[in-house]
Amino acid sequence: FKSGEKEFFLGEAAFLCTTIARGLGFHRTQEIWSRVSRTNFRQIPFARRVRLKLLCVRLHGLRDKHRMRNVLRWAERIIRALDENGLHYESLGCRIAVAFVYKTTGETHVAGALLREIVEECRSSTYRGYLAICLGNLSEILFSDGRIEESAAAIDEALEEGSASKDSMVLASVFGNIGTIRSLEGRQTRAFEAFREAIFHYASVGAVRWAAYYRVIVAEILLESGEWEAARRELGKAVPVLRE
C-alpha cells in the first residue's frame, strides 16, 4: 500500500460495520466499530470527507439515545460541512434525523415543514428509501392535523416508493407509520396487521431490536383485546432482546 491506503481501506471497512450495526439496532457494536474507523481515518492526511461521515453517524447515534438537544446543537454545523464537501446523501440523512427530533418532541409543524422540503428534493433524485420514510412520517403528522385525504395520499405514495426501493428496513418503517395511523383511527385489527408486517420486514434482515420494539406495541394491542397468552408470547420474544 501507498501511504494512507491501508488506513483508508481499514477505516472504510469499519465504517461499513458501523452503519450495518446501527441499522440493526446494535448500538454498542456500532460504537466499537466507529472508534476503529475513527482511529484509522485519523492517520490519513487530508481525509476530511471520510471523517465527516463519522460525524453523520455520531449525530444519528445521539438521536437513537434520545439526546435531542445535542442533535439540534450539532446538526446545523455538521449538515453545512457535509454539503460543502459534496456529501449530499449523508446531509439528507442528518436533516431527516433533525425532522424526527422535532416530531418526537411534539413540534410537528416544524417537523412537517422539514419533511416536505426533503420530500421535494428526493422526488428529483434516486433516493427512494429516504422519500418513502419521509412520506410515511409526514403522513402521521398530516393525520394528526386532521388532513385525512393528504395523509392517505402520502402513505400510499410512501408504500409505493418503499416497495420500489426493495429495502426491507424502509418497508418496515412505512408499515410502522401505517400501524400508528390505524391505531389512532381506532382500527386496532388493521393496526395489528401493519405492525406485524413491520416485524416481518425487520426480522427478515436481522434487525431484531427494531422488531422487538414493535412486538411490545403488538402485545399492547393484544392485551387490550384480552388475548393474554398471545401478548405473553410477544413479550417473551421482545424482552430478552431489549434487555441485552
Protein backbone atom coordinates (compact mmCIF):
# COMPACT_ATOMS: atom_id res chain seq x y z
CA PHE A 1 0.00 0.00 0.00
CA LYS A 2 0.98 3.57 -0.56
CA SER A 3 0.96 5.90 2.41
CA GLY A 4 -2.53 6.10 3.91
CA GLU A 5 -4.12 3.46 1.65
CA LYS A 6 -4.16 0.71 4.27
CA GLU A 7 -5.71 3.03 6.86
CA PHE A 8 -8.29 4.20 4.33
CA PHE A 9 -9.49 0.67 3.48
CA LEU A 10 -9.49 -0.42 7.13
CA GLY A 11 -11.40 2.73 8.07
CA GLU A 12 -13.94 2.21 5.28
CA ALA A 13 -14.48 -1.44 6.27
CA ALA A 14 -15.02 -0.44 9.90
CA PHE A 15 -17.37 2.35 8.80
CA LEU A 16 -19.43 -0.20 6.85
CA CYS A 17 -19.67 -2.33 10.01
CA THR A 18 -20.71 0.82 11.92
CA THR A 19 -23.61 1.60 9.59
CA ILE A 20 -24.78 -2.02 9.49
CA ALA A 21 -24.74 -2.23 13.30
CA ARG A 22 -26.79 0.96 13.57
CA GLY A 23 -29.32 -0.28 11.02
CA LEU A 24 -29.77 -3.49 13.01
CA GLY A 25 -30.11 -1.59 16.28
CA PHE A 26 -26.87 -2.84 17.88
CA HIS A 27 -25.72 0.46 19.39
CA ARG A 28 -22.83 -0.89 21.48
CA THR A 29 -21.40 -2.70 18.45
CA GLN A 30 -21.88 0.48 16.41
CA GLU A 31 -19.79 2.49 18.88
CA ILE A 32 -16.98 -0.07 18.86
CA TRP A 33 -16.67 -0.10 15.07
CA SER A 34 -16.99 3.69 14.93
CA ARG A 35 -13.93 4.03 17.18
CA VAL A 36 -11.98 1.62 14.96
CA SER A 37 -12.95 3.61 11.87
CA ARG A 38 -12.07 6.94 13.51
CA THR A 39 -8.65 5.64 14.59
CA ASN A 40 -7.77 4.62 11.04
CA PHE A 41 -9.17 7.74 9.36
CA ARG A 42 -7.13 9.98 11.68
CA GLN A 43 -3.95 8.52 10.19
CA ILE A 44 -4.88 9.65 6.67
CA PRO A 45 -3.75 13.13 5.61
CA PHE A 46 -6.44 15.37 4.08
CA ALA A 47 -9.25 12.91 4.94
CA ARG A 48 -11.89 15.48 5.91
CA ARG A 49 -14.65 13.88 3.80
CA VAL A 50 -14.35 10.43 5.31
CA ARG A 51 -14.16 11.84 8.83
CA LEU A 52 -17.34 13.82 8.16
CA LYS A 53 -19.19 10.54 7.53
CA LEU A 54 -18.38 9.55 11.10
CA LEU A 55 -19.85 12.81 12.38
CA CYS A 56 -23.02 11.92 10.50
CA VAL A 57 -23.19 8.55 12.27
CA ARG A 58 -22.50 10.27 15.58
CA LEU A 59 -25.47 12.59 15.03
CA HIS A 60 -27.75 9.62 14.35
CA GLY A 61 -26.37 7.91 17.44
CA LEU A 62 -27.30 10.91 19.60
CA ARG A 63 -30.84 10.74 18.24
CA ASP A 64 -31.05 6.99 18.90
CA LYS A 65 -30.11 7.70 22.54
CA HIS A 66 -32.79 10.44 22.72
CA ARG A 67 -30.19 13.16 23.34
CA MET A 68 -32.34 15.60 21.39
CA ARG A 69 -30.71 18.85 22.47
CA ASN A 70 -27.30 17.59 21.39
CA VAL A 71 -28.70 16.64 17.97
CA LEU A 72 -30.05 20.15 17.41
CA ARG A 73 -26.88 21.70 18.83
CA TRP A 74 -24.57 19.95 16.34
CA ALA A 75 -26.84 19.38 13.35
CA GLU A 76 -26.51 22.71 11.54
CA ARG A 77 -22.70 22.67 11.64
CA ILE A 78 -22.46 19.03 10.51
CA ILE A 79 -25.03 19.41 7.72
CA ARG A 80 -23.29 22.54 6.38
CA ALA A 81 -19.92 20.75 6.36
CA LEU A 82 -21.41 17.71 4.58
CA ASP A 83 -22.98 19.91 1.89
CA GLU A 84 -19.75 21.89 1.39
CA ASN A 85 -17.86 18.64 0.80
CA GLY A 86 -20.39 17.12 -1.61
CA LEU A 87 -21.78 14.50 0.78
CA HIS A 88 -25.40 15.18 -0.15
CA TYR A 89 -26.79 11.75 0.75
CA GLU A 90 -25.30 11.94 4.25
CA SER A 91 -26.57 15.52 4.60
CA LEU A 92 -30.11 14.39 3.76
CA GLY A 93 -29.88 11.64 6.37
CA CYS A 94 -28.90 14.18 9.04
CA ARG A 95 -31.73 16.51 8.02
CA ILE A 96 -34.19 13.62 8.37
CA ALA A 97 -32.79 12.94 11.85
CA VAL A 98 -33.44 16.59 12.80
CA ALA A 99 -37.02 16.37 11.48
CA PHE A 100 -37.57 13.24 13.58
CA VAL A 101 -36.29 15.06 16.68
CA TYR A 102 -38.88 17.81 16.20
CA LYS A 103 -41.59 15.18 15.57
CA THR A 104 -40.62 13.26 18.72
CA THR A 105 -40.62 16.41 20.88
CA GLY A 106 -44.08 17.43 19.64
CA GLU A 107 -43.02 20.30 17.35
CA THR A 108 -44.89 18.69 14.47
CA HIS A 109 -45.31 21.88 12.42
CA VAL A 110 -41.53 22.32 12.26
CA ALA A 111 -41.07 18.60 11.55
CA GLY A 112 -43.72 18.67 8.81
CA ALA A 113 -42.09 21.64 7.08
CA LEU A 114 -38.67 19.96 7.13
CA LEU A 115 -40.09 16.67 5.84
CA ARG A 116 -41.89 18.44 2.96
CA GLU A 117 -38.61 20.08 1.89
CA ILE A 118 -36.80 16.74 1.91
CA VAL A 119 -39.67 15.02 0.05
CA GLU A 120 -39.46 17.56 -2.78
CA GLU A 121 -35.69 17.10 -3.04
CA CYS A 122 -35.94 13.31 -3.01
CA ARG A 123 -38.60 13.27 -5.74
CA SER A 124 -35.99 14.54 -8.19
CA SER A 125 -33.37 12.01 -7.05
CA THR A 126 -32.84 8.25 -6.79
CA TYR A 127 -33.23 8.28 -3.01
CA ARG A 128 -36.48 6.31 -2.94
CA GLY A 129 -35.85 4.93 0.52
CA TYR A 130 -35.46 8.39 2.05
CA LEU A 131 -38.55 9.54 0.13
CA ALA A 132 -40.65 6.66 1.48
CA ILE A 133 -39.52 7.21 5.08
CA CYS A 134 -40.22 10.95 4.94
CA LEU A 135 -43.63 10.45 3.34
CA GLY A 136 -44.60 7.87 5.96
CA ASN A 137 -43.75 10.19 8.84
CA LEU A 138 -45.32 13.17 7.11
CA SER A 139 -48.50 11.12 6.74
CA GLU A 140 -48.66 10.66 10.53
CA ILE A 141 -48.33 14.42 11.06
CA LEU A 142 -50.99 15.22 8.44
CA PHE A 143 -53.37 12.72 10.06
CA SER A 144 -52.84 14.28 13.50
CA ASP A 145 -53.63 17.70 11.95
CA GLY A 146 -56.92 16.35 10.60
CA ARG A 147 -55.78 16.43 6.97
CA ILE A 148 -57.04 12.92 6.31
CA GLU A 149 -57.03 12.90 2.50
CA GLU A 150 -53.50 14.32 2.29
CA SER A 151 -52.37 11.78 4.89
CA ALA A 152 -53.86 8.90 2.89
CA ALA A 153 -52.20 10.11 -0.32
CA ALA A 154 -48.83 10.43 1.44
CA ILE A 155 -48.96 6.95 2.96
CA ASP A 156 -49.98 5.40 -0.39
CA GLU A 157 -47.00 7.07 -2.06
CA ALA A 158 -44.74 6.00 0.81
CA LEU A 159 -45.78 2.38 0.37
CA GLU A 160 -45.23 2.61 -3.40
CA GLU A 161 -41.78 4.15 -3.02
CA GLY A 162 -40.85 1.75 -0.23
CA SER A 163 -41.74 -1.23 -2.41
CA ALA A 164 -39.77 0.25 -5.31
CA SER A 165 -36.71 0.71 -3.07
CA LYS A 166 -36.65 -3.06 -2.35
CA ASP A 167 -35.33 -2.19 1.11
CA SER A 168 -36.84 -4.20 3.98
CA MET A 169 -35.82 -1.59 6.57
CA VAL A 170 -37.66 1.11 4.61
CA LEU A 171 -40.77 -1.04 4.20
CA ALA A 172 -40.74 -1.85 7.91
CA SER A 173 -40.65 1.87 8.71
CA VAL A 174 -43.59 2.60 6.41
CA PHE A 175 -45.69 -0.24 7.86
CA GLY A 176 -44.90 1.17 11.30
CA ASN A 177 -46.36 4.51 10.17
CA ILE A 178 -49.44 2.73 8.80
CA GLY A 179 -49.89 0.88 12.08
CA THR A 180 -49.69 4.12 14.07
CA ILE A 181 -52.30 5.82 11.87
CA ARG A 182 -54.67 2.83 12.01
CA SER A 183 -54.28 2.78 15.79
CA LEU A 184 -55.17 6.49 16.01
CA GLU A 185 -58.24 5.72 13.90
CA GLY A 186 -59.25 3.08 16.43
CA ARG A 187 -58.89 0.31 13.83
CA GLN A 188 -56.87 -1.98 16.04
CA THR A 189 -57.16 -5.05 13.80
CA ARG A 190 -55.68 -3.14 10.87
CA ALA A 191 -53.03 -1.63 13.15
CA PHE A 192 -52.11 -5.12 14.37
CA GLU A 193 -51.71 -6.33 10.78
CA ALA A 194 -49.48 -3.35 9.85
CA PHE A 195 -47.25 -3.76 12.91
CA ARG A 196 -46.96 -7.47 12.11
CA GLU A 197 -45.72 -6.53 8.63
CA ALA A 198 -43.16 -4.19 10.21
CA ILE A 199 -41.91 -7.01 12.45
CA PHE A 200 -41.66 -9.37 9.48
CA HIS A 201 -39.56 -6.94 7.42
CA TYR A 202 -37.25 -6.04 10.31
CA ALA A 203 -36.76 -9.69 11.24
CA SER A 204 -36.06 -10.63 7.61
CA VAL A 205 -32.80 -8.64 7.67
CA GLY A 206 -31.83 -9.44 11.26
CA ALA A 207 -32.92 -6.12 12.80
CA VAL A 208 -34.09 -7.92 15.93
CA ARG A 209 -34.09 -4.87 18.19
CA TRP A 210 -36.41 -2.86 15.97
CA ALA A 211 -38.62 -5.96 15.66
CA ALA A 212 -38.66 -6.24 19.46
CA TYR A 213 -39.92 -2.66 19.85
CA TYR A 214 -42.85 -3.43 17.59
CA ARG A 215 -43.54 -6.70 19.42
CA VAL A 216 -44.16 -4.61 22.55
CA ILE A 217 -46.69 -2.49 20.64
CA VAL A 218 -48.37 -5.62 19.27
CA ALA A 219 -48.51 -7.02 22.82
CA GLU A 220 -50.31 -3.86 23.98
CA ILE A 221 -52.96 -4.34 21.29
CA LEU A 222 -53.36 -7.99 22.28
CA LEU A 223 -53.72 -7.04 25.96
CA GLU A 224 -56.45 -4.55 25.09
CA SER A 225 -58.26 -7.37 23.28
CA GLY A 226 -57.90 -9.69 26.29
CA GLU A 227 -55.59 -12.09 24.43
CA TRP A 228 -53.29 -12.63 27.38
CA GLU A 229 -51.35 -15.66 26.17
CA ALA A 230 -50.65 -14.19 22.75
CA ALA A 231 -49.42 -10.98 24.42
CA ARG A 232 -47.23 -13.02 26.76
CA ARG A 233 -45.63 -14.78 23.76
CA GLU A 234 -44.83 -11.47 22.06
CA LEU A 235 -43.31 -10.02 25.21
CA GLY A 236 -41.41 -13.26 25.78
CA LYS A 237 -39.70 -12.73 22.41
CA ALA A 238 -39.13 -8.99 22.92
CA VAL A 239 -37.85 -8.74 26.49
CA PRO A 240 -34.61 -10.78 26.13
CA VAL A 241 -33.59 -8.72 23.09
CA LEU A 242 -34.38 -5.39 24.75
CA ARG A 243 -32.63 -6.47 27.97
CA GLU A 244 -29.48 -7.28 26.00
